[in-house]
PDB file of N, CA and C in Angstrom:
ATOM      1  N   UNK A   1     281.312  46.024 -85.101  1.00  0.00           N
ATOM      2  CA  UNK A   1     279.926  46.356 -84.897  1.00  0.00           C
ATOM      3  C   UNK A   1     279.666  47.694 -85.585  1.00  0.00           C
ATOM      4  N   UNK A   2     278.636  47.764 -86.378  1.00  0.00           N
ATOM      5  CA  UNK A   2     278.371  49.000 -87.100  1.00  0.00           C
ATOM      6  C   UNK A   2     277.730  50.032 -86.175  1.00  0.00           C
ATOM      7  N   UNK A   3     277.680  51.265 -86.673  1.00  0.00           N
ATOM      8  CA  UNK A   3     277.203  52.388 -85.865  1.00  0.00           C
ATOM      9  C   UNK A   3     275.748  52.218 -85.433  1.00  0.00           C
ATOM     10  N   UNK A   4     274.915  51.712 -86.328  1.00  0.00           N
ATOM     11  CA  UNK A   4     273.491  51.574 -86.006  1.00  0.00           C
ATOM     12  C   UNK A   4     273.291  50.576 -84.871  1.00  0.00           C
ATOM     13  N   UNK A   5     273.990  49.451 -84.919  1.00  0.00           N
ATOM     14  CA  UNK A   5     273.874  48.449 -83.861  1.00  0.00           C
ATOM     15  C   UNK A   5     274.399  49.000 -82.536  1.00  0.00           C
ATOM     16  N   UNK A   6     275.462  49.783 -82.581  1.00  0.00           N
ATOM     17  CA  UNK A   6     276.004  50.387 -81.370  1.00  0.00           C
ATOM     18  C   UNK A   6     275.006  51.372 -80.767  1.00  0.00           C
ATOM     19  N   UNK A   7     274.370  52.158 -81.610  1.00  0.00           N
ATOM     20  CA  UNK A   7     273.384  53.120 -81.114  1.00  0.00           C
ATOM     21  C   UNK A   7     272.188  52.410 -80.488  1.00  0.00           C
ATOM     22  N   UNK A   8     271.727  51.348 -81.130  1.00  0.00           N
ATOM     23  CA  UNK A   8     270.590  50.602 -80.601  1.00  0.00           C
ATOM     24  C   UNK A   8     270.963  49.966 -79.263  1.00  0.00           C
ATOM     25  N   UNK A   9     272.141  49.348 -79.184  1.00  0.00           N
ATOM     26  CA  UNK A   9     272.597  48.729 -77.940  1.00  0.00           C
ATOM     27  C   UNK A   9     272.759  49.770 -76.836  1.00  0.00           C
ATOM     28  N   UNK A  10     273.307  50.935 -77.175  1.00  0.00           N
ATOM     29  CA  UNK A  10     273.459  52.003 -76.185  1.00  0.00           C
ATOM     30  C   UNK A  10     272.099  52.519 -75.726  1.00  0.00           C
ATOM     31  N   UNK A  11     271.155  52.613 -76.632  1.00  0.00           N
ATOM     32  CA  UNK A  11     269.810  53.054 -76.266  1.00  0.00           C
ATOM     33  C   UNK A  11     269.118  52.081 -75.338  1.00  0.00           C
ATOM     34  N   UNK A  12     269.217  50.781 -75.631  1.00  0.00           N
ATOM     35  CA  UNK A  12     268.614  49.768 -74.761  1.00  0.00           C
ATOM     36  C   UNK A  12     269.268  49.760 -73.387  1.00  0.00           C
ATOM     37  N   UNK A  13     270.586  49.914 -73.349  1.00  0.00           N
ATOM     38  CA  UNK A  13     271.292  49.933 -72.072  1.00  0.00           C
ATOM     39  C   UNK A  13     270.874  51.141 -71.248  1.00  0.00           C
ATOM     40  N   UNK A  14     270.804  52.290 -71.879  1.00  0.00           N
ATOM     41  CA  UNK A  14     270.385  53.507 -71.183  1.00  0.00           C
ATOM     42  C   UNK A  14     268.951  53.376 -70.688  1.00  0.00           C
ATOM     43  N   UNK A  15     268.080  52.839 -71.525  1.00  0.00           N
ATOM     44  CA  UNK A  15     266.679  52.666 -71.127  1.00  0.00           C
ATOM     45  C   UNK A  15     266.574  51.700 -69.949  1.00  0.00           C
ATOM     46  N   UNK A  16     267.365  50.650 -69.945  1.00  0.00           N
ATOM     47  CA  UNK A  16     267.326  49.688 -68.836  1.00  0.00           C
ATOM     48  C   UNK A  16     267.750  50.351 -67.525  1.00  0.00           C
ATOM     49  N   UNK A  17     268.804  51.160 -67.557  1.00  0.00           N
ATOM     50  CA  UNK A  17     269.231  51.862 -66.351  1.00  0.00           C
ATOM     51  C   UNK A  17     268.164  52.829 -65.855  1.00  0.00           C
ATOM     52  N   UNK A  18     267.547  53.552 -66.772  1.00  0.00           N
ATOM     53  CA  UNK A  18     266.513  54.511 -66.376  1.00  0.00           C
ATOM     54  C   UNK A  18     265.305  53.795 -65.791  1.00  0.00           C
ATOM     55  N   UNK A  19     264.883  52.698 -66.412  1.00  0.00           N
ATOM     56  CA  UNK A  19     263.726  51.951 -65.914  1.00  0.00           C
ATOM     57  C   UNK A  19     264.007  51.370 -64.531  1.00  0.00           C
ATOM     58  N   UNK A  20     265.175  50.787 -64.338  1.00  0.00           N
ATOM     59  CA  UNK A  20     265.524  50.228 -63.025  1.00  0.00           C
ATOM     60  C   UNK A  20     265.560  51.333 -61.976  1.00  0.00           C
ATOM     61  N   UNK A  21     266.137  52.481 -62.327  1.00  0.00           N
ATOM     62  CA  UNK A  21     266.203  53.583 -61.367  1.00  0.00           C
ATOM     63  C   UNK A  21     264.815  54.089 -61.000  1.00  0.00           C
ATOM     64  N   UNK A  22     263.945  54.284 -61.994  1.00  0.00           N
ATOM     65  CA  UNK A  22     262.605  54.782 -61.704  1.00  0.00           C
ATOM     66  C   UNK A  22     261.776  53.785 -60.905  1.00  0.00           C
ATOM     67  N   UNK A  23     261.829  52.497 -61.263  1.00  0.00           N
ATOM     68  CA  UNK A  23     261.063  51.516 -60.513  1.00  0.00           C
ATOM     69  C   UNK A  23     261.569  51.389 -59.081  1.00  0.00           C
ATOM     70  N   UNK A  24     262.872  51.461 -58.878  1.00  0.00           N
ATOM     71  CA  UNK A  24     263.415  51.421 -57.522  1.00  0.00           C
ATOM     72  C   UNK A  24     262.957  52.636 -56.722  1.00  0.00           C
ATOM     73  N   UNK A  25     263.016  53.799 -57.354  1.00  0.00           N
ATOM     74  CA  UNK A  25     262.596  55.023 -56.685  1.00  0.00           C
ATOM     75  C   UNK A  25     261.108  54.999 -56.357  1.00  0.00           C
ATOM     76  N   UNK A  26     260.280  54.563 -57.288  1.00  0.00           N
ATOM     77  CA  UNK A  26     258.843  54.496 -57.040  1.00  0.00           C
ATOM     78  C   UNK A  26     258.503  53.485 -55.938  1.00  0.00           C
ATOM     79  N   UNK A  27     259.219  52.377 -55.893  1.00  0.00           N
ATOM     80  CA  UNK A  27     258.983  51.388 -54.843  1.00  0.00           C
ATOM     81  C   UNK A  27     259.325  51.961 -53.478  1.00  0.00           C
ATOM     82  N   UNK A  28     260.448  52.674 -53.390  1.00  0.00           N
ATOM     83  CA  UNK A  28     260.846  53.268 -52.116  1.00  0.00           C
ATOM     84  C   UNK A  28     259.814  54.289 -51.660  1.00  0.00           C
ATOM     85  N   UNK A  29     259.347  55.128 -52.588  1.00  0.00           N
ATOM     86  CA  UNK A  29     258.354  56.143 -52.235  1.00  0.00           C
ATOM     87  C   UNK A  29     257.044  55.491 -51.815  1.00  0.00           C
ATOM     88  N   UNK A  30     256.611  54.468 -52.554  1.00  0.00           N
ATOM     89  CA  UNK A  30     255.325  53.814 -52.266  1.00  0.00           C
ATOM     90  C   UNK A  30     255.338  53.105 -50.912  1.00  0.00           C
ATOM     91  N   UNK A  31     256.434  52.451 -50.583  1.00  0.00           N
ATOM     92  CA  UNK A  31     256.499  51.634 -49.368  1.00  0.00           C
ATOM     93  C   UNK A  31     257.202  52.331 -48.205  1.00  0.00           C
ATOM     94  N   UNK A  32     257.407  53.632 -48.290  1.00  0.00           N
ATOM     95  CA  UNK A  32     258.142  54.341 -47.235  1.00  0.00           C
ATOM     96  C   UNK A  32     257.414  54.286 -45.895  1.00  0.00           C
ATOM     97  N   UNK A  33     256.086  54.314 -45.913  1.00  0.00           N
ATOM     98  CA  UNK A  33     255.318  54.341 -44.663  1.00  0.00           C
ATOM     99  C   UNK A  33     254.503  53.058 -44.491  1.00  0.00           C
ATOM    100  N   UNK A  34     255.142  51.916 -44.724  1.00  0.00           N
ATOM    101  CA  UNK A  34     254.443  50.636 -44.580  1.00  0.00           C
ATOM    102  C   UNK A  34     254.397  50.232 -43.108  1.00  0.00           C
ATOM    103  N   UNK A  35     253.563  49.267 -42.798  1.00  0.00           N
ATOM    104  CA  UNK A  35     253.481  48.740 -41.439  1.00  0.00           C
ATOM    105  C   UNK A  35     254.585  47.704 -41.250  1.00  0.00           C
ATOM    106  N   UNK A  36     255.639  48.095 -40.581  1.00  0.00           N
ATOM    107  CA  UNK A  36     256.802  47.229 -40.394  1.00  0.00           C
ATOM    108  C   UNK A  36     256.470  46.128 -39.396  1.00  0.00           C
ATOM    109  N   UNK A  37     256.875  44.899 -39.739  1.00  0.00           N
ATOM    110  CA  UNK A  37     256.577  43.753 -38.881  1.00  0.00           C
ATOM    111  C   UNK A  37     257.705  43.426 -37.918  1.00  0.00           C
ATOM    112  N   UNK A  38     258.762  44.186 -37.952  1.00  0.00           N
ATOM    113  CA  UNK A  38     259.846  43.935 -37.002  1.00  0.00           C
ATOM    114  C   UNK A  38     261.191  43.801 -37.682  1.00  0.00           C
ATOM    115  N   UNK A  39     262.031  42.985 -37.063  1.00  0.00           N
ATOM    116  CA  UNK A  39     263.417  42.865 -37.512  1.00  0.00           C
ATOM    117  C   UNK A  39     263.549  42.204 -38.885  1.00  0.00           C
ATOM    118  N   UNK A  40     262.748  41.181 -39.171  1.00  0.00           N
ATOM    119  CA  UNK A  40     262.835  40.466 -40.437  1.00  0.00           C
ATOM    120  C   UNK A  40     261.724  40.885 -41.411  1.00  0.00           C
ATOM    121  N   UNK A  41     261.499  42.167 -41.527  1.00  0.00           N
ATOM    122  CA  UNK A  41     260.432  42.681 -42.394  1.00  0.00           C
ATOM    123  C   UNK A  41     260.847  42.542 -43.862  1.00  0.00           C
ATOM    124  N   UNK A  42     260.081  41.807 -44.677  1.00  0.00           N
ATOM    125  CA  UNK A  42     260.461  41.642 -46.079  1.00  0.00           C
ATOM    126  C   UNK A  42     260.370  42.937 -46.891  1.00  0.00           C
ATOM    127  N   UNK A  43     259.452  43.821 -46.515  1.00  0.00           N
ATOM    128  CA  UNK A  43     259.333  45.098 -47.235  1.00  0.00           C
ATOM    129  C   UNK A  43     260.558  45.961 -46.956  1.00  0.00           C
ATOM    130  N   UNK A  44     261.012  45.978 -45.717  1.00  0.00           N
ATOM    131  CA  UNK A  44     262.231  46.730 -45.382  1.00  0.00           C
ATOM    132  C   UNK A  44     263.442  46.178 -46.131  1.00  0.00           C
ATOM    133  N   UNK A  45     263.485  44.857 -46.280  1.00  0.00           N
ATOM    134  CA  UNK A  45     264.592  44.244 -47.024  1.00  0.00           C
ATOM    135  C   UNK A  45     264.546  44.659 -48.494  1.00  0.00           C
ATOM    136  N   UNK A  46     263.354  44.709 -49.069  1.00  0.00           N
ATOM    137  CA  UNK A  46     263.227  45.142 -50.474  1.00  0.00           C
ATOM    138  C   UNK A  46     263.587  46.616 -50.625  1.00  0.00           C
ATOM    139  N   UNK A  47     263.167  47.437 -49.660  1.00  0.00           N
ATOM    140  CA  UNK A  47     263.524  48.863 -49.707  1.00  0.00           C
ATOM    141  C   UNK A  47     265.035  49.030 -49.620  1.00  0.00           C
ATOM    142  N   UNK A  48     265.660  48.258 -48.748  1.00  0.00           N
ATOM    143  CA  UNK A  48     267.124  48.331 -48.626  1.00  0.00           C
ATOM    144  C   UNK A  48     267.803  47.911 -49.940  1.00  0.00           C
ATOM    145  N   UNK A  49     267.291  46.869 -50.576  1.00  0.00           N
ATOM    146  CA  UNK A  49     267.852  46.408 -51.849  1.00  0.00           C
ATOM    147  C   UNK A  49     267.672  47.473 -52.927  1.00  0.00           C
ATOM    148  N   UNK A  50     266.505  48.127 -52.956  1.00  0.00           N
ATOM    149  CA  UNK A  50     266.267  49.182 -53.939  1.00  0.00           C
ATOM    150  C   UNK A  50     267.191  50.371 -53.698  1.00  0.00           C
ATOM    151  N   UNK A  51     267.429  50.711 -52.432  1.00  0.00           N
ATOM    152  CA  UNK A  51     268.365  51.790 -52.121  1.00  0.00           C
ATOM    153  C   UNK A  51     269.780  51.440 -52.563  1.00  0.00           C
ATOM    154  N   UNK A  52     270.185  50.196 -52.341  1.00  0.00           N
ATOM    155  CA  UNK A  52     271.512  49.760 -52.772  1.00  0.00           C
ATOM    156  C   UNK A  52     271.643  49.810 -54.296  1.00  0.00           C
ATOM    157  N   UNK A  53     270.568  49.430 -55.002  1.00  0.00           N
ATOM    158  CA  UNK A  53     270.590  49.480 -56.466  1.00  0.00           C
ATOM    159  C   UNK A  53     270.768  50.910 -56.940  1.00  0.00           C
ATOM    160  N   UNK A  54     270.023  51.833 -56.359  1.00  0.00           N
ATOM    161  CA  UNK A  54     270.163  53.242 -56.741  1.00  0.00           C
ATOM    162  C   UNK A  54     271.552  53.776 -56.406  1.00  0.00           C
ATOM    163  N   UNK A  55     272.086  53.348 -55.276  1.00  0.00           N
ATOM    164  CA  UNK A  55     273.421  53.803 -54.900  1.00  0.00           C
ATOM    165  C   UNK A  55     274.475  53.276 -55.870  1.00  0.00           C
ATOM    166  N   UNK A  56     274.323  52.018 -56.304  1.00  0.00           N
ATOM    167  CA  UNK A  56     275.281  51.438 -57.242  1.00  0.00           C
ATOM    168  C   UNK A  56     275.170  52.083 -58.616  1.00  0.00           C
ATOM    169  N   UNK A  57     273.958  52.376 -59.040  1.00  0.00           N
ATOM    170  CA  UNK A  57     273.798  53.056 -60.333  1.00  0.00           C
ATOM    171  C   UNK A  57     274.394  54.449 -60.261  1.00  0.00           C
ATOM    172  N   UNK A  58     274.203  55.118 -59.128  1.00  0.00           N
ATOM    173  CA  UNK A  58     274.711  56.480 -58.973  1.00  0.00           C
ATOM    174  C   UNK A  58     276.219  56.554 -58.946  1.00  0.00           C
ATOM    175  N   UNK A  59     276.882  55.595 -58.290  1.00  0.00           N
ATOM    176  CA  UNK A  59     278.336  55.649 -58.193  1.00  0.00           C
ATOM    177  C   UNK A  59     279.013  54.911 -59.334  1.00  0.00           C
ATOM    178  N   UNK A  60     278.288  54.034 -59.992  1.00  0.00           N
ATOM    179  CA  UNK A  60     278.870  53.285 -61.094  1.00  0.00           C
ATOM    180  C   UNK A  60     279.740  52.132 -60.653  1.00  0.00           C
ATOM    181  N   UNK A  61     279.694  51.781 -59.379  1.00  0.00           N
ATOM    182  CA  UNK A  61     280.504  50.660 -58.895  1.00  0.00           C
ATOM    183  C   UNK A  61     279.600  49.624 -58.249  1.00  0.00           C
ATOM    184  N   UNK A  62     280.106  48.421 -58.191  1.00  0.00           N
ATOM    185  CA  UNK A  62     279.333  47.341 -57.600  1.00  0.00           C
ATOM    186  C   UNK A  62     280.277  46.383 -56.897  1.00  0.00           C
ATOM    187  N   UNK A  63     279.806  45.790 -55.841  1.00  0.00           N
ATOM    188  CA  UNK A  63     280.622  44.810 -55.127  1.00  0.00           C
ATOM    189  C   UNK A  63     280.778  43.527 -55.906  1.00  0.00           C
ATOM    190  N   UNK A  64     279.789  43.198 -56.735  1.00  0.00           N
ATOM    191  CA  UNK A  64     279.855  41.957 -57.500  1.00  0.00           C
ATOM    192  C   UNK A  64     280.527  42.151 -58.858  1.00  0.00           C
ATOM    193  N   UNK A  65     280.853  43.368 -59.210  1.00  0.00           N
ATOM    194  CA  UNK A  65     281.482  43.601 -60.509  1.00  0.00           C
ATOM    195  C   UNK A  65     282.852  42.937 -60.587  1.00  0.00           C
ATOM    196  N   UNK A  66     283.553  42.880 -59.476  1.00  0.00           N
ATOM    197  CA  UNK A  66     284.864  42.242 -59.467  1.00  0.00           C
ATOM    198  C   UNK A  66     284.780  40.752 -59.720  1.00  0.00           C
ATOM    199  N   UNK A  67     283.712  40.124 -59.269  1.00  0.00           N
ATOM    200  CA  UNK A  67     283.538  38.693 -59.496  1.00  0.00           C
ATOM    201  C   UNK A  67     283.130  38.399 -60.932  1.00  0.00           C
ATOM    202  N   UNK A  68     282.437  39.330 -61.571  1.00  0.00           N
ATOM    203  CA  UNK A  68     281.947  39.118 -62.926  1.00  0.00           C
ATOM    204  C   UNK A  68     282.956  39.591 -63.972  1.00  0.00           C
ATOM    205  N   UNK A  69     283.915  40.407 -63.580  1.00  0.00           N
ATOM    206  CA  UNK A  69     284.844  41.023 -64.534  1.00  0.00           C
ATOM    207  C   UNK A  69     285.612  40.014 -65.391  1.00  0.00           C
ATOM    208  N   UNK A  70     286.117  38.897 -64.875  1.00  0.00           N
ATOM    209  CA  UNK A  70     286.858  37.973 -65.750  1.00  0.00           C
ATOM    210  C   UNK A  70     285.989  37.319 -66.826  1.00  0.00           C
ATOM    211  N   UNK A  71     284.709  37.129 -66.566  1.00  0.00           N
ATOM    212  CA  UNK A  71     283.827  36.484 -67.541  1.00  0.00           C
ATOM    213  C   UNK A  71     283.212  37.484 -68.511  1.00  0.00           C
ATOM    214  N   UNK A  72     283.320  38.774 -68.243  1.00  0.00           N
ATOM    215  CA  UNK A  72     282.659  39.776 -69.066  1.00  0.00           C
ATOM    216  C   UNK A  72     283.098  39.755 -70.528  1.00  0.00           C
ATOM    217  N   UNK A  73     284.397  39.665 -70.847  1.00  0.00           N
ATOM    218  CA  UNK A  73     284.773  39.609 -72.265  1.00  0.00           C
ATOM    219  C   UNK A  73     284.201  38.388 -72.989  1.00  0.00           C
ATOM    220  N   UNK A  74     284.107  37.263 -72.298  1.00  0.00           N
ATOM    221  CA  UNK A  74     283.535  36.072 -72.929  1.00  0.00           C
ATOM    222  C   UNK A  74     282.048  36.249 -73.204  1.00  0.00           C
ATOM    223  N   UNK A  75     281.336  36.855 -72.276  1.00  0.00           N
ATOM    224  CA  UNK A  75     279.903  37.093 -72.466  1.00  0.00           C
ATOM    225  C   UNK A  75     279.673  38.054 -73.619  1.00  0.00           C
ATOM    226  N   UNK A  76     280.450  39.133 -73.674  1.00  0.00           N
ATOM    227  CA  UNK A  76     280.313  40.104 -74.762  1.00  0.00           C
ATOM    228  C   UNK A  76     280.641  39.459 -76.100  1.00  0.00           C
ATOM    229  N   UNK A  77     281.699  38.662 -76.139  1.00  0.00           N
ATOM    230  CA  UNK A  77     282.061  37.983 -77.391  1.00  0.00           C
ATOM    231  C   UNK A  77     280.966  37.017 -77.825  1.00  0.00           C
ATOM    232  N   UNK A  78     280.371  36.301 -76.876  1.00  0.00           N
ATOM    233  CA  UNK A  78     279.304  35.361 -77.205  1.00  0.00           C
ATOM    234  C   UNK A  78     278.066  36.085 -77.724  1.00  0.00           C
ATOM    235  N   UNK A  79     277.733  37.236 -77.120  1.00  0.00           N
ATOM    236  CA  UNK A  79     276.553  37.980 -77.550  1.00  0.00           C
ATOM    237  C   UNK A  79     276.766  38.702 -78.882  1.00  0.00           C
ATOM    238  N   UNK A  80     277.995  39.112 -79.160  1.00  0.00           N
ATOM    239  CA  UNK A  80     278.289  39.846 -80.393  1.00  0.00           C
ATOM    240  C   UNK A  80     278.672  38.940 -81.554  1.00  0.00           C
ATOM    241  N   UNK A  81     278.878  37.672 -81.295  1.00  0.00           N
ATOM    242  CA  UNK A  81     279.291  36.750 -82.341  1.00  0.00           C
ATOM    243  C   UNK A  81     278.337  36.721 -83.532  1.00  0.00           C
ATOM    244  N   UNK A  82     277.025  36.701 -83.331  1.00  0.00           N
ATOM    245  CA  UNK A  82     276.131  36.691 -84.502  1.00  0.00           C
ATOM    246  C   UNK A  82     276.251  37.940 -85.378  1.00  0.00           C
ATOM    247  N   UNK A  83     276.748  39.040 -84.823  1.00  0.00           N
ATOM    248  CA  UNK A  83     276.907  40.254 -85.616  1.00  0.00           C
ATOM    249  C   UNK A  83     278.086  40.165 -86.580  1.00  0.00           C
ATOM    250  N   UNK A  84     279.079  39.343 -86.248  1.00  0.00           N
ATOM    251  CA  UNK A  84     280.283  39.260 -87.059  1.00  0.00           C
ATOM    252  C   UNK A  84     280.347  38.035 -87.958  1.00  0.00           C
ATOM    253  N   UNK A  85     279.571  37.020 -87.670  1.00  0.00           N
ATOM    254  CA  UNK A  85     279.578  35.809 -88.482  1.00  0.00           C
ATOM    255  C   UNK A  85     278.744  36.071 -89.734  1.00  0.00           C
ATOM    256  N   UNK A  86     279.347  35.911 -90.900  1.00  0.00           N
ATOM    257  CA  UNK A  86     278.582  36.194 -92.120  1.00  0.00           C
ATOM    258  C   UNK A  86     277.488  35.156 -92.344  1.00  0.00           C
ATOM    259  N   UNK A  87     276.379  35.633 -92.809  1.00  0.00           N
ATOM    260  CA  UNK A  87     275.255  34.761 -93.095  1.00  0.00           C
ATOM    261  C   UNK A  87     275.310  34.405 -94.574  1.00  0.00           C
ATOM    262  N   UNK A  88     275.318  33.132 -94.867  1.00  0.00           N
ATOM    263  CA  UNK A  88     275.388  32.679 -96.258  1.00  0.00           C
ATOM    264  C   UNK A  88     273.969  32.487 -96.777  1.00  0.00           C
ATOM    265  N   UNK A  89     273.605  33.328 -97.702  1.00  0.00           N
ATOM    266  CA  UNK A  89     272.308  33.179 -98.353  1.00  0.00           C
ATOM    267  C   UNK A  89     272.530  33.210 -99.863  1.00  0.00           C
ATOM    268  N   UNK A  90     271.514  32.867-100.586  1.00  0.00           N
ATOM    269  CA  UNK A  90     271.646  32.878-102.047  1.00  0.00           C
ATOM    270  C   UNK A  90     271.901  34.282-102.571  1.00  0.00           C
ATOM    271  N   UNK A  91     271.313  35.263-101.957  1.00  0.00           N
ATOM    272  CA  UNK A  91     271.515  36.642-102.403  1.00  0.00           C
ATOM    273  C   UNK A  91     272.929  37.093-102.093  1.00  0.00           C
ATOM    274  N   UNK A  92     273.449  36.769-100.908  1.00  0.00           N
ATOM    275  CA  UNK A  92     274.807  37.181-100.555  1.00  0.00           C
ATOM    276  C   UNK A  92     275.845  36.479-101.418  1.00  0.00           C
ATOM    277  N   UNK A  93     275.530  35.285-101.915  1.00  0.00           N
ATOM    278  CA  UNK A  93     276.435  34.558-102.808  1.00  0.00           C
ATOM    279  C   UNK A  93     276.190  34.872-104.269  1.00  0.00           C
ATOM    280  N   UNK A  94     275.215  35.759-104.529  1.00  0.00           N
ATOM    281  CA  UNK A  94     274.877  36.195-105.883  1.00  0.00           C
ATOM    282  C   UNK A  94     274.542  35.017-106.801  1.00  0.00           C
ATOM    283  N   UNK A  95     273.682  34.160-106.302  1.00  0.00           N
ATOM    284  CA  UNK A  95     273.241  33.015-107.090  1.00  0.00           C
ATOM    285  C   UNK A  95     272.000  33.408-107.861  1.00  0.00           C
ATOM    286  N   UNK A  96     272.030  33.177-109.143  1.00  0.00           N
ATOM    287  CA  UNK A  96     270.889  33.498-109.968  1.00  0.00           C
ATOM    288  C   UNK A  96     269.965  32.289-110.016  1.00  0.00           C
ATOM    289  N   UNK A  97     268.711  32.527-109.695  1.00  0.00           N
ATOM    290  CA  UNK A  97     267.748  31.437-109.658  1.00  0.00           C
ATOM    291  C   UNK A  97     266.844  31.531-110.897  1.00  0.00           C
ATOM    292  N   UNK A  98     267.001  30.595-111.788  1.00  0.00           N
ATOM    293  CA  UNK A  98     266.176  30.535-112.988  1.00  0.00           C
ATOM    294  C   UNK A  98     265.053  29.527-112.778  1.00  0.00           C
ATOM    295  N   UNK A  99     263.944  29.772-113.413  1.00  0.00           N
ATOM    296  CA  UNK A  99     262.820  28.836-113.298  1.00  0.00           C
ATOM    297  C   UNK A  99     262.987  27.673-114.210  1.00  0.00           C
TER     298      UNK A  99
END
């Protein structure tokens, strides 16, 4: 993978983490003083999920990471495959096209 593609991928990954963190934080702040309906409150469940997301981003660990770890190299290889497979075009094969 060339440097430019690595930088772009790193930028998108960083932006995704920042966006998820900010949206989780804004949701928690917005819904902090909601009217709770009791034990099975869906807003409380969403707030708890947002808190867990922020906690996982902060510590860098996840409970589900262990389940996904064996498939991770296959997913990365599948996503990066188009970057390494050469594209055959007339220009890359240096074919001269005469009229």
